[in-house]
N, C-alpha and C. Protein backbone atom coordinates (compact mmCIF):
# COMPACT_ATOMS: atom_id res chain seq x y z
N MET A 1 -86.89 139.64 -48.36
CA MET A 1 -86.28 138.43 -48.87
C MET A 1 -84.87 138.26 -48.30
N ILE A 2 -84.12 139.34 -48.25
CA ILE A 2 -82.75 139.28 -47.72
C ILE A 2 -82.79 138.92 -46.24
N LEU A 3 -83.77 139.48 -45.53
CA LEU A 3 -83.91 139.16 -44.11
C LEU A 3 -84.20 137.68 -43.91
N LEU A 4 -85.04 137.11 -44.76
CA LEU A 4 -85.37 135.69 -44.66
C LEU A 4 -84.13 134.83 -44.90
N VAL A 5 -83.35 135.16 -45.89
CA VAL A 5 -82.12 134.42 -46.18
C VAL A 5 -81.13 134.55 -45.01
N ALA A 6 -81.01 135.75 -44.45
CA ALA A 6 -80.10 135.96 -43.32
C ALA A 6 -80.55 135.14 -42.10
N LEU A 7 -81.85 135.10 -41.86
CA LEU A 7 -82.36 134.30 -40.74
C LEU A 7 -82.08 132.81 -40.94
N LEU A 8 -82.25 132.33 -42.17
CA LEU A 8 -81.97 130.93 -42.45
C LEU A 8 -80.50 130.61 -42.28
N VAL A 9 -79.62 131.53 -42.70
CA VAL A 9 -78.18 131.29 -42.58
C VAL A 9 -77.78 131.19 -41.11
N PHE A 10 -78.32 132.05 -40.28
CA PHE A 10 -77.95 132.02 -38.86
C PHE A 10 -78.70 130.94 -38.09
N TRP A 11 -79.91 130.63 -38.48
CA TRP A 11 -80.72 129.68 -37.74
C TRP A 11 -80.36 128.23 -38.07
N LEU A 12 -80.17 127.88 -39.32
CA LEU A 12 -79.92 126.50 -39.70
C LEU A 12 -78.63 125.92 -39.13
N PRO A 13 -77.51 126.61 -39.14
CA PRO A 13 -76.32 125.99 -38.55
C PRO A 13 -76.50 125.70 -37.07
N GLY A 14 -77.19 126.54 -36.34
CA GLY A 14 -77.44 126.28 -34.92
C GLY A 14 -78.30 125.05 -34.71
N ALA A 15 -79.30 124.90 -35.56
CA ALA A 15 -80.17 123.73 -35.44
C ALA A 15 -79.41 122.46 -35.78
N GLN A 16 -78.55 122.52 -36.79
CA GLN A 16 -77.78 121.34 -37.16
C GLN A 16 -76.77 121.01 -36.08
N ALA A 17 -76.13 122.00 -35.50
CA ALA A 17 -75.14 121.74 -34.46
C ALA A 17 -75.79 121.13 -33.23
N ASN A 18 -77.00 121.55 -32.91
CA ASN A 18 -77.68 121.02 -31.73
C ASN A 18 -78.04 119.55 -31.92
N ASN A 19 -78.51 119.19 -33.11
CA ASN A 19 -78.88 117.81 -33.35
C ASN A 19 -77.68 116.93 -33.66
N ALA A 20 -76.50 117.52 -33.85
CA ALA A 20 -75.31 116.73 -34.13
C ALA A 20 -74.84 115.98 -32.90
N ASN A 21 -75.22 116.42 -31.71
CA ASN A 21 -74.74 115.76 -30.50
C ASN A 21 -75.65 114.62 -30.03
N ILE A 22 -76.68 114.29 -30.76
CA ILE A 22 -77.54 113.16 -30.44
C ILE A 22 -77.70 112.31 -31.69
N GLU A 23 -77.54 111.00 -31.51
CA GLU A 23 -77.67 110.11 -32.66
C GLU A 23 -78.15 108.73 -32.22
N VAL A 24 -78.77 108.04 -33.15
CA VAL A 24 -79.19 106.67 -32.94
C VAL A 24 -78.02 105.79 -33.39
N THR A 25 -77.40 105.09 -32.45
CA THR A 25 -76.22 104.30 -32.78
C THR A 25 -76.55 102.85 -33.13
N GLN A 26 -77.72 102.39 -32.74
CA GLN A 26 -78.12 101.02 -33.05
C GLN A 26 -79.63 100.97 -33.21
N LEU A 27 -80.09 100.20 -34.20
CA LEU A 27 -81.52 100.02 -34.42
C LEU A 27 -81.71 98.62 -34.99
N ARG A 28 -82.48 97.78 -34.29
CA ARG A 28 -82.65 96.40 -34.72
C ARG A 28 -84.11 96.00 -34.58
N LEU A 29 -84.63 95.35 -35.60
CA LEU A 29 -86.00 94.84 -35.61
C LEU A 29 -85.92 93.32 -35.63
N GLU A 30 -86.64 92.67 -34.72
CA GLU A 30 -86.51 91.23 -34.55
C GLU A 30 -87.88 90.59 -34.41
N ARG A 31 -88.06 89.45 -35.10
CA ARG A 31 -89.32 88.71 -35.03
C ARG A 31 -89.13 87.51 -34.11
N GLY A 32 -89.90 87.49 -33.02
CA GLY A 32 -89.86 86.37 -32.08
C GLY A 32 -91.07 85.48 -32.27
N ASP A 33 -91.20 84.50 -31.39
CA ASP A 33 -92.35 83.58 -31.47
C ASP A 33 -93.66 84.28 -31.13
N ASP A 34 -93.61 85.28 -30.24
CA ASP A 34 -94.84 85.92 -29.77
C ASP A 34 -95.03 87.34 -30.30
N GLY A 35 -94.15 87.83 -31.18
CA GLY A 35 -94.34 89.17 -31.71
C GLY A 35 -93.09 89.75 -32.35
N VAL A 36 -93.20 91.01 -32.71
CA VAL A 36 -92.09 91.74 -33.34
C VAL A 36 -91.57 92.76 -32.34
N TYR A 37 -90.25 92.83 -32.18
CA TYR A 37 -89.60 93.68 -31.18
C TYR A 37 -88.59 94.59 -31.84
N LEU A 38 -88.45 95.78 -31.25
CA LEU A 38 -87.46 96.76 -31.71
C LEU A 38 -86.52 97.07 -30.56
N SER A 39 -85.23 97.08 -30.85
CA SER A 39 -84.22 97.49 -29.88
C SER A 39 -83.42 98.62 -30.49
N ALA A 40 -83.04 99.59 -29.67
CA ALA A 40 -82.29 100.75 -30.16
C ALA A 40 -81.34 101.25 -29.08
N ALA A 41 -80.36 102.00 -29.53
CA ALA A 41 -79.43 102.67 -28.62
C ALA A 41 -79.27 104.10 -29.10
N VAL A 42 -79.35 105.04 -28.18
CA VAL A 42 -79.24 106.46 -28.49
C VAL A 42 -78.04 107.01 -27.74
N GLN A 43 -77.28 107.89 -28.39
CA GLN A 43 -76.12 108.50 -27.75
C GLN A 43 -76.32 110.01 -27.69
N PHE A 44 -76.23 110.58 -26.48
CA PHE A 44 -76.32 112.03 -26.30
C PHE A 44 -75.68 112.40 -24.97
N GLU A 45 -75.33 113.67 -24.86
CA GLU A 45 -74.82 114.21 -23.61
C GLU A 45 -75.89 115.14 -23.03
N LEU A 46 -76.13 115.01 -21.74
CA LEU A 46 -77.12 115.85 -21.08
C LEU A 46 -76.54 117.25 -20.87
N PRO A 47 -77.18 118.30 -21.37
CA PRO A 47 -76.67 119.67 -21.17
C PRO A 47 -76.62 120.04 -19.69
N ASP A 48 -75.71 120.94 -19.33
CA ASP A 48 -75.53 121.34 -17.94
C ASP A 48 -76.81 121.93 -17.34
N LEU A 49 -77.57 122.69 -18.14
CA LEU A 49 -78.81 123.29 -17.66
C LEU A 49 -79.81 122.22 -17.24
N VAL A 50 -79.96 121.18 -18.04
CA VAL A 50 -80.89 120.10 -17.72
C VAL A 50 -80.39 119.33 -16.50
N GLU A 51 -79.09 119.13 -16.41
CA GLU A 51 -78.52 118.44 -15.25
C GLU A 51 -78.73 119.23 -13.96
N ASP A 52 -78.63 120.57 -14.04
CA ASP A 52 -78.90 121.41 -12.87
C ASP A 52 -80.34 121.28 -12.40
N VAL A 53 -81.27 121.22 -13.35
CA VAL A 53 -82.69 121.05 -13.01
C VAL A 53 -82.90 119.70 -12.32
N LEU A 54 -82.25 118.67 -12.82
CA LEU A 54 -82.35 117.35 -12.20
C LEU A 54 -81.79 117.35 -10.78
N ASP A 55 -80.65 118.01 -10.59
CA ASP A 55 -80.02 118.07 -9.27
C ASP A 55 -80.91 118.74 -8.23
N LYS A 56 -81.81 119.60 -8.69
CA LYS A 56 -82.73 120.30 -7.78
C LYS A 56 -83.97 119.46 -7.45
N GLY A 57 -84.02 118.24 -7.98
CA GLY A 57 -85.13 117.35 -7.65
C GLY A 57 -86.31 117.41 -8.59
N ILE A 58 -86.16 118.10 -9.71
CA ILE A 58 -87.25 118.19 -10.69
C ILE A 58 -87.06 117.08 -11.73
N ALA A 59 -88.10 116.30 -11.93
CA ALA A 59 -88.03 115.16 -12.85
C ALA A 59 -88.06 115.62 -14.30
N ILE A 60 -87.37 114.88 -15.17
CA ILE A 60 -87.45 115.11 -16.61
C ILE A 60 -87.97 113.82 -17.25
N TYR A 61 -88.54 113.98 -18.42
CA TYR A 61 -89.24 112.88 -19.08
C TYR A 61 -88.67 112.67 -20.47
N PHE A 62 -88.45 111.41 -20.83
CA PHE A 62 -88.02 111.04 -22.17
C PHE A 62 -89.08 110.14 -22.79
N VAL A 63 -89.19 110.19 -24.12
CA VAL A 63 -90.13 109.34 -24.84
C VAL A 63 -89.39 108.69 -26.01
N ALA A 64 -89.54 107.38 -26.12
CA ALA A 64 -89.03 106.63 -27.27
C ALA A 64 -90.24 106.05 -28.00
N GLU A 65 -90.34 106.31 -29.30
CA GLU A 65 -91.48 105.86 -30.09
C GLU A 65 -90.98 105.15 -31.33
N ALA A 66 -91.73 104.13 -31.77
CA ALA A 66 -91.38 103.43 -33.01
C ALA A 66 -92.66 103.10 -33.77
N GLU A 67 -92.55 103.16 -35.08
CA GLU A 67 -93.68 102.83 -35.96
C GLU A 67 -93.16 102.01 -37.12
N ILE A 68 -93.93 101.01 -37.53
CA ILE A 68 -93.64 100.24 -38.73
C ILE A 68 -94.71 100.56 -39.76
N TYR A 69 -94.27 100.77 -40.99
CA TYR A 69 -95.19 101.10 -42.07
C TYR A 69 -95.17 100.02 -43.14
N ARG A 70 -96.27 99.91 -43.84
CA ARG A 70 -96.35 99.06 -45.03
C ARG A 70 -96.38 100.00 -46.22
N GLU A 71 -95.46 99.79 -47.13
CA GLU A 71 -95.38 100.66 -48.31
C GLU A 71 -96.52 100.35 -49.27
N ARG A 72 -97.08 101.43 -49.83
CA ARG A 72 -98.12 101.30 -50.85
C ARG A 72 -97.73 102.21 -52.02
N TRP A 73 -97.76 101.69 -53.20
CA TRP A 73 -97.36 102.47 -54.36
C TRP A 73 -98.44 103.46 -54.79
N TYR A 74 -99.69 103.20 -54.44
CA TYR A 74 -100.80 104.01 -54.94
C TYR A 74 -101.24 105.11 -53.97
N TRP A 75 -100.72 105.12 -52.76
CA TRP A 75 -101.13 106.12 -51.78
C TRP A 75 -100.06 106.21 -50.72
N MET A 76 -100.34 106.96 -49.67
CA MET A 76 -99.36 107.06 -48.58
C MET A 76 -99.17 105.72 -47.90
N ASP A 77 -98.00 105.53 -47.31
CA ASP A 77 -97.73 104.30 -46.56
C ASP A 77 -98.70 104.21 -45.39
N THR A 78 -99.09 103.00 -45.05
CA THR A 78 -100.02 102.79 -43.94
C THR A 78 -99.25 102.30 -42.72
N ARG A 79 -99.61 102.83 -41.57
CA ARG A 79 -98.95 102.43 -40.32
C ARG A 79 -99.51 101.09 -39.88
N VAL A 80 -98.63 100.14 -39.69
CA VAL A 80 -99.01 98.79 -39.29
C VAL A 80 -98.96 98.63 -37.78
N ALA A 81 -97.93 99.20 -37.16
CA ALA A 81 -97.76 99.05 -35.72
C ALA A 81 -97.10 100.29 -35.14
N GLN A 82 -97.38 100.53 -33.87
CA GLN A 82 -96.84 101.71 -33.17
C GLN A 82 -96.67 101.36 -31.70
N VAL A 83 -95.58 101.85 -31.10
CA VAL A 83 -95.33 101.61 -29.68
C VAL A 83 -94.58 102.81 -29.11
N ALA A 84 -94.76 103.05 -27.81
CA ALA A 84 -94.06 104.14 -27.14
C ALA A 84 -93.59 103.68 -25.77
N ARG A 85 -92.48 104.24 -25.33
CA ARG A 85 -91.97 104.00 -23.97
C ARG A 85 -91.71 105.36 -23.35
N HIS A 86 -92.35 105.62 -22.21
CA HIS A 86 -92.20 106.88 -21.49
C HIS A 86 -91.31 106.64 -20.27
N MET A 87 -90.33 107.52 -20.08
CA MET A 87 -89.37 107.37 -18.99
C MET A 87 -89.32 108.65 -18.17
N ARG A 88 -89.39 108.50 -16.86
CA ARG A 88 -89.32 109.63 -15.93
C ARG A 88 -88.06 109.45 -15.09
N LEU A 89 -87.15 110.41 -15.18
CA LEU A 89 -85.88 110.38 -14.45
C LEU A 89 -85.91 111.46 -13.39
N ALA A 90 -85.65 111.07 -12.12
CA ALA A 90 -85.70 112.03 -11.03
C ALA A 90 -84.62 111.70 -10.00
N TYR A 91 -84.14 112.75 -9.33
CA TYR A 91 -83.17 112.60 -8.25
C TYR A 91 -83.93 112.56 -6.93
N GLN A 92 -83.60 111.60 -6.08
CA GLN A 92 -84.22 111.47 -4.77
C GLN A 92 -83.25 112.01 -3.72
N PRO A 93 -83.43 113.24 -3.25
CA PRO A 93 -82.45 113.85 -2.33
C PRO A 93 -82.28 113.11 -1.01
N LEU A 94 -83.34 112.51 -0.49
CA LEU A 94 -83.24 111.82 0.80
C LEU A 94 -82.35 110.58 0.72
N THR A 95 -82.47 109.83 -0.35
CA THR A 95 -81.67 108.61 -0.50
C THR A 95 -80.41 108.85 -1.34
N ARG A 96 -80.33 110.03 -1.96
CA ARG A 96 -79.21 110.39 -2.84
C ARG A 96 -79.02 109.38 -3.96
N ARG A 97 -80.16 108.99 -4.52
CA ARG A 97 -80.15 108.04 -5.62
C ARG A 97 -81.02 108.58 -6.75
N TRP A 98 -80.81 108.03 -7.94
CA TRP A 98 -81.58 108.39 -9.12
C TRP A 98 -82.63 107.33 -9.36
N ARG A 99 -83.84 107.77 -9.69
CA ARG A 99 -84.95 106.84 -9.91
C ARG A 99 -85.47 107.00 -11.33
N LEU A 100 -85.59 105.88 -12.01
CA LEU A 100 -86.10 105.85 -13.37
C LEU A 100 -87.38 105.02 -13.39
N ASN A 101 -88.49 105.66 -13.79
CA ASN A 101 -89.76 104.98 -13.98
C ASN A 101 -89.97 104.82 -15.48
N VAL A 102 -90.39 103.63 -15.89
CA VAL A 102 -90.63 103.32 -17.30
C VAL A 102 -92.06 102.83 -17.43
N SER A 103 -92.78 103.38 -18.42
CA SER A 103 -94.19 103.06 -18.60
C SER A 103 -94.55 103.10 -20.09
N PRO A 104 -95.54 102.31 -20.51
CA PRO A 104 -96.00 102.38 -21.89
C PRO A 104 -96.94 103.57 -22.16
N VAL A 105 -97.38 104.23 -21.10
CA VAL A 105 -98.27 105.39 -21.23
C VAL A 105 -97.61 106.59 -20.56
N PRO A 106 -98.02 107.80 -20.91
CA PRO A 106 -97.43 108.98 -20.26
C PRO A 106 -97.58 108.93 -18.74
N ILE A 107 -96.52 109.30 -18.05
CA ILE A 107 -96.50 109.32 -16.59
C ILE A 107 -96.98 110.70 -16.14
N THR A 108 -98.03 110.73 -15.34
CA THR A 108 -98.61 112.00 -14.90
C THR A 108 -98.38 112.20 -13.41
N ASN A 109 -98.68 113.38 -12.94
CA ASN A 109 -98.55 113.69 -11.52
C ASN A 109 -99.60 113.00 -10.67
N ALA A 110 -100.66 112.51 -11.30
CA ALA A 110 -101.72 111.82 -10.57
C ALA A 110 -101.27 110.46 -10.07
N GLY A 111 -100.18 109.96 -10.61
CA GLY A 111 -99.65 108.66 -10.20
C GLY A 111 -98.84 108.06 -11.32
N PHE A 112 -98.08 107.04 -10.98
CA PHE A 112 -97.22 106.43 -11.97
C PHE A 112 -97.93 105.36 -12.78
N GLY A 113 -99.13 105.00 -12.39
CA GLY A 113 -99.88 104.00 -13.13
C GLY A 113 -99.13 102.68 -13.16
N ALA A 114 -99.13 102.04 -14.31
CA ALA A 114 -98.43 100.77 -14.48
C ALA A 114 -97.02 101.08 -14.97
N SER A 115 -96.12 101.32 -14.04
CA SER A 115 -94.74 101.62 -14.43
C SER A 115 -93.78 100.73 -13.65
N VAL A 116 -92.61 100.57 -14.20
CA VAL A 116 -91.54 99.82 -13.56
C VAL A 116 -90.50 100.82 -13.11
N ALA A 117 -90.04 100.71 -11.87
CA ALA A 117 -89.06 101.66 -11.33
C ALA A 117 -87.75 100.95 -11.04
N GLN A 118 -86.67 101.72 -11.24
CA GLN A 118 -85.34 101.20 -10.96
C GLN A 118 -84.52 102.33 -10.36
N ASN A 119 -83.70 102.02 -9.36
CA ASN A 119 -82.85 103.01 -8.70
C ASN A 119 -81.41 102.84 -9.14
N PHE A 120 -80.69 103.99 -9.21
CA PHE A 120 -79.29 104.01 -9.62
C PHE A 120 -78.49 104.86 -8.66
N ASP A 121 -77.21 104.52 -8.51
CA ASP A 121 -76.34 105.28 -7.62
C ASP A 121 -75.82 106.56 -8.26
N SER A 122 -75.75 106.61 -9.59
CA SER A 122 -75.21 107.80 -10.25
C SER A 122 -76.08 108.19 -11.44
N LEU A 123 -75.96 109.44 -11.82
CA LEU A 123 -76.70 109.95 -12.98
C LEU A 123 -76.24 109.25 -14.25
N GLY A 124 -74.96 108.97 -14.37
CA GLY A 124 -74.44 108.29 -15.56
C GLY A 124 -75.06 106.92 -15.76
N ASP A 125 -75.21 106.16 -14.67
CA ASP A 125 -75.83 104.84 -14.77
C ASP A 125 -77.30 104.96 -15.17
N ALA A 126 -78.00 105.94 -14.61
CA ALA A 126 -79.42 106.14 -14.95
C ALA A 126 -79.57 106.55 -16.42
N LEU A 127 -78.70 107.43 -16.90
CA LEU A 127 -78.77 107.85 -18.30
C LEU A 127 -78.43 106.71 -19.25
N ASP A 128 -77.52 105.83 -18.85
CA ASP A 128 -77.22 104.65 -19.68
C ASP A 128 -78.46 103.80 -19.87
N ALA A 129 -79.27 103.67 -18.83
CA ALA A 129 -80.52 102.91 -18.93
C ALA A 129 -81.53 103.62 -19.83
N VAL A 130 -81.55 104.94 -19.79
CA VAL A 130 -82.45 105.71 -20.65
C VAL A 130 -82.04 105.57 -22.11
N LYS A 131 -80.75 105.53 -22.38
CA LYS A 131 -80.23 105.48 -23.75
C LYS A 131 -80.39 104.12 -24.41
N ARG A 132 -80.59 103.08 -23.64
CA ARG A 132 -80.79 101.73 -24.20
C ARG A 132 -82.27 101.41 -24.23
N ILE A 133 -82.81 101.29 -25.40
CA ILE A 133 -84.22 100.94 -25.58
C ILE A 133 -84.26 99.47 -25.98
N GLY A 134 -84.64 98.62 -25.06
CA GLY A 134 -84.59 97.19 -25.33
C GLY A 134 -85.95 96.57 -25.52
N ARG A 135 -86.09 95.85 -26.60
CA ARG A 135 -87.26 95.01 -26.89
C ARG A 135 -88.60 95.72 -26.71
N LEU A 136 -88.80 96.77 -27.47
CA LEU A 136 -90.12 97.40 -27.55
C LEU A 136 -91.00 96.49 -28.40
N ARG A 137 -92.10 96.04 -27.86
CA ARG A 137 -92.98 95.12 -28.59
C ARG A 137 -93.89 95.92 -29.51
N LEU A 138 -93.67 95.75 -30.82
CA LEU A 138 -94.45 96.48 -31.81
C LEU A 138 -95.80 95.85 -32.08
N GLY A 139 -95.89 94.56 -31.96
CA GLY A 139 -97.16 93.90 -32.21
C GLY A 139 -97.00 92.41 -32.42
N ASP A 140 -98.13 91.75 -32.69
CA ASP A 140 -98.13 90.32 -32.95
C ASP A 140 -97.60 90.02 -34.34
N ASN A 141 -97.16 88.79 -34.52
CA ASN A 141 -96.69 88.37 -35.84
C ASN A 141 -97.81 88.45 -36.88
N SER A 142 -99.05 88.24 -36.45
CA SER A 142 -100.17 88.29 -37.39
C SER A 142 -100.46 89.71 -37.88
N GLU A 143 -100.12 90.72 -37.07
CA GLU A 143 -100.36 92.11 -37.46
C GLU A 143 -99.33 92.62 -38.47
N ILE A 144 -98.13 92.07 -38.41
CA ILE A 144 -97.04 92.54 -39.26
C ILE A 144 -96.71 91.42 -40.24
N ASN A 145 -96.81 91.74 -41.54
CA ASN A 145 -96.66 90.68 -42.55
C ASN A 145 -95.21 90.18 -42.62
N ASP A 146 -95.00 89.16 -43.44
CA ASP A 146 -93.69 88.53 -43.55
C ASP A 146 -92.80 89.22 -44.56
N ASP A 147 -93.11 90.43 -44.95
CA ASP A 147 -92.26 91.18 -45.86
C ASP A 147 -90.87 91.27 -45.25
N PRO A 148 -89.82 90.89 -45.98
CA PRO A 148 -88.48 90.87 -45.37
C PRO A 148 -87.94 92.26 -45.03
N VAL A 149 -88.47 93.29 -45.65
CA VAL A 149 -88.00 94.65 -45.37
C VAL A 149 -89.20 95.51 -44.98
N GLN A 150 -89.13 96.16 -43.83
CA GLN A 150 -90.21 97.01 -43.34
C GLN A 150 -89.67 98.42 -43.11
N PRO A 151 -90.35 99.46 -43.59
CA PRO A 151 -89.95 100.83 -43.23
C PRO A 151 -90.26 101.08 -41.75
N VAL A 152 -89.27 101.54 -41.01
CA VAL A 152 -89.39 101.78 -39.58
C VAL A 152 -89.00 103.21 -39.27
N VAL A 153 -89.79 103.88 -38.43
CA VAL A 153 -89.47 105.23 -37.96
C VAL A 153 -89.29 105.13 -36.45
N PHE A 154 -88.11 105.56 -35.97
CA PHE A 154 -87.82 105.56 -34.53
C PHE A 154 -87.57 106.99 -34.10
N ARG A 155 -88.22 107.41 -33.00
CA ARG A 155 -88.05 108.76 -32.46
C ARG A 155 -87.68 108.67 -30.99
N PHE A 156 -86.77 109.56 -30.57
CA PHE A 156 -86.40 109.67 -29.16
C PHE A 156 -86.34 111.15 -28.84
N ARG A 157 -86.95 111.56 -27.72
CA ARG A 157 -86.97 112.99 -27.41
C ARG A 157 -87.11 113.23 -25.91
N LEU A 158 -86.69 114.39 -25.49
CA LEU A 158 -86.94 114.89 -24.15
C LEU A 158 -88.30 115.56 -24.20
N ASP A 159 -89.24 115.09 -23.39
CA ASP A 159 -90.62 115.58 -23.42
C ASP A 159 -90.76 116.77 -22.47
N THR A 160 -90.67 117.98 -23.02
CA THR A 160 -90.77 119.18 -22.19
C THR A 160 -92.20 119.49 -21.79
N SER A 161 -93.19 118.85 -22.43
CA SER A 161 -94.58 119.11 -22.05
C SER A 161 -94.92 118.51 -20.69
N GLN A 162 -94.08 117.62 -20.17
CA GLN A 162 -94.30 117.01 -18.86
C GLN A 162 -93.64 117.80 -17.73
N LEU A 163 -92.85 118.79 -18.08
CA LEU A 163 -92.19 119.61 -17.05
C LEU A 163 -93.21 120.48 -16.32
N PRO A 164 -92.87 120.96 -15.11
CA PRO A 164 -93.76 121.92 -14.43
C PRO A 164 -93.97 123.17 -15.30
N ARG A 165 -95.12 123.79 -15.19
CA ARG A 165 -95.50 124.92 -16.05
C ARG A 165 -94.44 126.03 -16.14
N PRO A 166 -93.83 126.47 -15.03
CA PRO A 166 -92.82 127.54 -15.16
C PRO A 166 -91.64 127.14 -16.06
N PHE A 167 -91.28 125.87 -16.02
CA PHE A 167 -90.19 125.41 -16.88
C PHE A 167 -90.62 125.32 -18.33
N GLN A 168 -91.87 124.96 -18.58
CA GLN A 168 -92.36 124.88 -19.95
C GLN A 168 -92.27 126.23 -20.63
N ILE A 169 -92.56 127.29 -19.88
CA ILE A 169 -92.46 128.64 -20.44
C ILE A 169 -91.01 129.02 -20.64
N GLY A 170 -90.15 128.64 -19.70
CA GLY A 170 -88.75 129.02 -19.76
C GLY A 170 -87.92 128.29 -20.79
N VAL A 171 -88.35 127.11 -21.25
CA VAL A 171 -87.55 126.34 -22.19
C VAL A 171 -87.74 126.77 -23.64
N VAL A 172 -88.72 127.59 -23.90
CA VAL A 172 -88.98 128.03 -25.27
C VAL A 172 -87.77 128.78 -25.80
N GLY A 173 -87.23 128.29 -26.90
CA GLY A 173 -86.10 128.95 -27.55
C GLY A 173 -84.74 128.58 -26.98
N GLN A 174 -84.68 127.75 -25.96
CA GLN A 174 -83.39 127.34 -25.41
C GLN A 174 -83.00 125.99 -26.02
N SER A 175 -81.88 125.98 -26.70
CA SER A 175 -81.45 124.77 -27.40
C SER A 175 -81.01 123.66 -26.45
N ASP A 176 -80.71 123.99 -25.19
CA ASP A 176 -80.31 122.95 -24.24
C ASP A 176 -81.43 121.95 -23.99
N TRP A 177 -82.66 122.36 -24.16
CA TRP A 177 -83.80 121.48 -23.91
C TRP A 177 -84.23 120.73 -25.16
N ASN A 178 -83.56 120.94 -26.28
CA ASN A 178 -83.92 120.30 -27.54
C ASN A 178 -83.11 119.03 -27.73
N ILE A 179 -83.50 117.99 -27.03
CA ILE A 179 -82.87 116.67 -27.19
C ILE A 179 -83.87 115.82 -27.94
N ALA A 180 -83.64 115.64 -29.23
CA ALA A 180 -84.56 114.86 -30.06
C ALA A 180 -83.82 114.31 -31.26
N VAL A 181 -84.20 113.11 -31.65
CA VAL A 181 -83.63 112.49 -32.84
C VAL A 181 -84.70 111.60 -33.47
N GLU A 182 -84.66 111.52 -34.79
CA GLU A 182 -85.57 110.64 -35.53
C GLU A 182 -84.76 109.93 -36.59
N ARG A 183 -85.03 108.64 -36.73
CA ARG A 183 -84.32 107.87 -37.74
C ARG A 183 -85.33 107.02 -38.48
N SER A 184 -85.34 107.13 -39.79
CA SER A 184 -86.22 106.33 -40.65
C SER A 184 -85.35 105.43 -41.51
N VAL A 185 -85.58 104.14 -41.41
CA VAL A 185 -84.79 103.18 -42.17
C VAL A 185 -85.68 102.03 -42.60
N LYS A 186 -85.19 101.28 -43.56
CA LYS A 186 -85.82 100.02 -43.93
C LYS A 186 -84.93 98.92 -43.35
N LEU A 187 -85.50 98.22 -42.42
CA LEU A 187 -84.72 97.21 -41.71
C LEU A 187 -85.20 95.82 -42.07
N PRO A 188 -84.28 94.92 -42.34
CA PRO A 188 -84.70 93.52 -42.44
C PRO A 188 -84.94 92.98 -41.04
N MET A 189 -85.94 92.15 -40.90
CA MET A 189 -86.23 91.56 -39.60
C MET A 189 -85.32 90.38 -39.35
N GLU A 190 -84.77 90.33 -38.14
CA GLU A 190 -83.95 89.18 -37.75
C GLU A 190 -84.85 88.20 -37.02
N LYS A 191 -84.57 86.93 -37.20
CA LYS A 191 -85.30 85.90 -36.46
C LYS A 191 -84.62 85.72 -35.11
N SER A 192 -85.41 85.76 -34.02
CA SER A 192 -84.82 85.55 -32.70
C SER A 192 -84.55 84.06 -32.51
N ARG A 193 -83.54 83.81 -31.73
CA ARG A 193 -83.12 82.42 -31.53
C ARG A 193 -83.77 81.83 -30.31
């Protein structure tokens, strides 16, 4: 029992300190003519270890996910809508530019599928684009009721499962690779103009 308490004392402050450097600074839910959209902004600093991996030409992957729930008093809340955005950030040594691919589905080595690519001159500019999640389409207006307040869960994380196998083994237990944040709020929907 004493060992368990000692482990919790040493483990919990480290976990809290690691998640203290990433936060959701903006979260907005908006109803347009053709659907419901979510916009968010995330603030974090890329650890030196992850930046070194990027400089060597190895791509890293981020995932932004959002879900809207309908509250039910008699059972668990039901998920009304769900959306994800997958982002692949890589350094191109030949052109000395940063490339960001964005896709609604996971990006695999077999190909980028239906993704949009954008090039940047600096890592800072590329990370700014990763940190701004703009207009994720959650669904049609008919799928999401007119309830003025909807429970929303937003998640943003560095997806280590997409890394090459040797890195997947090496990241276990290293807090530098733990870039993740989740925010659950009840947001009123804004009407788009």
